[in-house]
Amino acid sequence: MTQYMFSVNHEVGEELPTGDDVQRMFTQVDAFNQELQSTGAWVFAGGLMPVSDATCVDATGAEPVITDGPYAEAKEYLGGFWVVEASDLDSALAIASKGSAACEGKVEVRPFQGE
């Protein structure tokens, strides 16, 4: 089995759902997570705090430099992810389609190295 990362990206400035909309999405994602767990595809998943809560650590020099904010300026940011196991890319894409429907957003699928 190969492990894949399904990443959910949001556009900077995009208004995120609130109220009943966010509750509906949470319910849908929870059902998707339960399905992943029951089929054995689940490895790990998590939602992330807003990109404004990011901190960057650069220890490539003599002393670490710690700064507030994301590492790179981008028009999109990672909002959450799943790590799943699937027998092949086609299976992973079928699973990701369900995840995309559940979170009502695009899902990028990438295999881990060495898998």
Protein backbone atom coordinates (compact mmCIF):
# COMPACT_ATOMS: atom_id res chain seq x y z
CA MET A 1 0.00 0.00 0.00
CA THR A 2 1.19 3.48 -0.85
CA GLN A 3 0.62 6.46 1.40
CA TYR A 4 -0.79 9.64 -0.15
CA MET A 5 -1.22 13.13 1.22
CA PHE A 6 -4.48 14.83 0.33
CA SER A 7 -4.06 18.55 0.92
CA VAL A 8 -6.90 21.03 1.12
CA ASN A 9 -5.85 24.49 0.01
CA HIS A 10 -7.62 27.80 0.44
CA GLU A 11 -7.09 31.01 -1.49
CA VAL A 12 -5.76 33.98 0.45
CA GLY A 13 -8.62 36.42 0.96
CA GLU A 14 -11.24 33.75 0.30
CA GLU A 15 -14.06 33.99 2.77
CA LEU A 16 -14.28 30.76 4.74
CA PRO A 17 -17.68 29.29 5.59
CA THR A 18 -19.35 30.17 8.86
CA GLY A 19 -22.42 29.17 10.84
CA ASP A 20 -24.58 26.43 9.35
CA ASP A 21 -22.29 26.09 6.33
CA VAL A 22 -19.21 25.27 8.41
CA GLN A 23 -21.22 22.91 10.62
CA ARG A 24 -22.45 21.05 7.51
CA MET A 25 -18.89 20.72 6.24
CA PHE A 26 -17.62 19.50 9.62
CA THR A 27 -20.35 16.84 9.65
CA GLN A 28 -19.49 15.76 6.10
CA VAL A 29 -15.75 15.62 6.83
CA ASP A 30 -16.36 13.68 10.05
CA ALA A 31 -18.39 11.10 8.09
CA PHE A 32 -15.60 10.88 5.48
CA ASN A 33 -13.01 10.42 8.26
CA GLN A 34 -15.09 7.63 9.79
CA GLU A 35 -15.33 5.92 6.40
CA LEU A 36 -11.55 6.14 5.95
CA GLN A 37 -11.04 4.60 9.38
CA SER A 38 -13.55 1.80 8.81
CA THR A 39 -11.94 0.84 5.47
CA GLY A 40 -8.39 0.91 6.86
CA ALA A 41 -7.26 3.73 4.54
CA TRP A 42 -6.90 6.23 7.41
CA VAL A 43 -3.37 7.06 8.56
CA PHE A 44 -3.69 10.60 9.91
CA ALA A 45 -5.56 13.85 9.25
CA GLY A 46 -5.83 17.33 10.63
CA GLY A 47 -7.12 20.81 10.07
CA LEU A 48 -4.74 23.72 10.52
CA MET A 49 -5.16 27.07 12.20
CA PRO A 50 -5.20 30.11 9.87
CA VAL A 51 -1.98 31.00 8.07
CA SER A 52 -1.84 34.15 10.23
CA ASP A 53 -0.98 31.85 13.17
CA ALA A 54 2.13 30.45 11.40
CA THR A 55 5.67 30.92 12.70
CA CYS A 56 8.76 30.40 10.57
CA VAL A 57 12.00 28.96 12.00
CA ASP A 58 15.20 29.33 9.97
CA ALA A 59 18.15 27.53 11.57
CA THR A 60 20.34 27.50 8.45
CA GLY A 61 22.66 30.17 9.86
CA ALA A 62 24.72 30.44 13.03
CA GLU A 63 21.65 31.28 15.13
CA PRO A 64 18.00 30.36 14.54
CA VAL A 65 15.81 33.19 13.26
CA ILE A 66 12.16 32.98 14.29
CA THR A 67 9.60 35.19 12.57
CA ASP A 68 5.84 35.49 12.68
CA GLY A 69 3.89 34.53 9.61
CA PRO A 70 4.16 31.95 6.88
CA TYR A 71 7.42 30.99 5.17
CA ALA A 72 6.34 32.05 1.70
CA GLU A 73 3.95 34.58 0.28
CA ALA A 74 1.43 32.71 -1.81
CA LYS A 75 -2.05 33.07 -3.20
CA GLU A 76 -3.06 29.77 -1.55
CA TYR A 77 -2.35 28.18 1.80
CA LEU A 78 -2.72 24.73 3.34
CA GLY A 79 -5.87 24.53 5.43
CA GLY A 80 -5.84 20.84 6.30
CA PHE A 81 -4.83 17.42 5.09
CA TRP A 82 -5.32 13.68 5.18
CA VAL A 83 -2.68 10.96 4.94
CA VAL A 84 -4.25 7.79 3.56
CA GLU A 85 -3.14 4.40 2.29
CA ALA A 86 -4.35 3.22 -1.09
CA SER A 87 -3.37 0.36 -3.37
CA ASP A 88 -2.67 2.68 -6.34
CA LEU A 89 -3.18 6.19 -7.66
CA ASP A 90 -6.61 5.41 -9.13
CA SER A 91 -7.82 4.23 -5.72
CA ALA A 92 -6.33 7.31 -4.06
CA LEU A 93 -8.09 9.58 -6.55
CA ALA A 94 -11.42 7.86 -5.89
CA ILE A 95 -10.94 8.39 -2.15
CA ALA A 96 -9.86 12.02 -2.71
CA SER A 97 -13.04 12.64 -4.71
CA LYS A 98 -15.06 11.77 -1.61
CA GLY A 99 -12.84 14.03 0.51
CA SER A 100 -13.27 16.90 -1.92
CA ALA A 101 -17.04 16.52 -1.81
CA ALA A 102 -16.97 16.35 2.00
CA CYS A 103 -14.88 19.50 2.52
CA GLU A 104 -16.43 21.26 -0.48
CA GLY A 105 -13.03 22.21 -1.87
CA LYS A 106 -10.23 21.08 -4.13
CA VAL A 107 -7.96 18.32 -2.86
CA GLU A 108 -4.40 17.84 -4.13
CA VAL A 109 -3.17 14.21 -4.13
CA ARG A 110 0.55 13.42 -3.78
CA PRO A 111 2.29 10.13 -3.01
CA PHE A 112 5.00 10.02 -0.38
CA GLN A 113 8.57 9.41 -1.55
CA GLY A 114 9.79 5.84 -1.40
CA GLU A 115 6.32 4.37 -1.39
